[in-house]
Amino acid sequence: MLFTLIVLVLILGAALAVADRFAASYAERKISDRVAQQVAQQKATSEQPKVTIEGIPFLTQVARGEYQQIRIDLVNFSGPVGEGRTIKMKELDATANDVRAPLTTIRSGNGEVTAGSIIGTGLIDYAQIAQLSGQPGVKLTEQNGKLVGSAPVQALGQTFTISATADLNVQGDLVQVRFSNVKAEGLPDNTLVRGLVNTYVQKLAFNLRVPALPLDLKVKSVEPQADGLKVTAEASHVSLNSGGL
């Protein structure tokens, strides 16, 4: 009798676990489809978003109307930045926290599903940034946590390579890139040459426009990494079933 009871409990537990995962998978697919729709509306592209609803059991979260965390990963995200140009991110990762979806809303389809906050990160590789800068010969790298640009310059009948540290400033969807702390190995240190180099470095300044991101994400900061510029974007009090998702 006891053995039979144990078997029944195990079967019931397994059935509930399967039902829980099925419900979670269904919700993840629905969110994925809506994110994909928003990406398309922004005239951007990506692979089908991968959505993961964290926390087990899922059905308990449904009953409470509160979800621990929802992760949304967009692989090969590409968005327009004007003049027929695009910016690509190998992966755009977003995490929605403090998601609230009352059970009555789930049942009726009326009401709001909201995320208290969303944080997203993506990486723009340096080759793209150099190309978008419009300056031929420019190379960008990260050195000691700073973005460093280098370029060839003609002076005194020779070609020299100069390098400078970039100052990065975020203004809305624009990242302003300005260079300072110029180094020019091999160039004579005189007024004429310094003036030539400084004039050239000023011309290297450019603005990098970040494409519109899904989930109402807005760029907050950028950080040089070894393989590209890390973009961090945030959003708060986002409606996930109107305008957002």
Foldseek 3Di string as FASTA:
>chain_A
DVVVVVVVVVVVVVVVQVVQVVVQVVVQLVLQVVLQVVCVVQVKDFPRKGKDFDDPRNVVCLQVQWGAKMKIKTAFIWGDDDPPDIFTFRMKIKMFGGWGGHNVCVVPVDDFTWGQKMKIKTFTFQVVVVVVLVDPAWGWFDDPFWIKIKGWDDDPNDIWIKMFTWDWDDDKQKTKTATDPMDIPPDDPDDVVVVRVVVVRRSSIDIDGHRDDAQNWIWDDWTGDGGGIMTMTMDGTTTSPPPHD
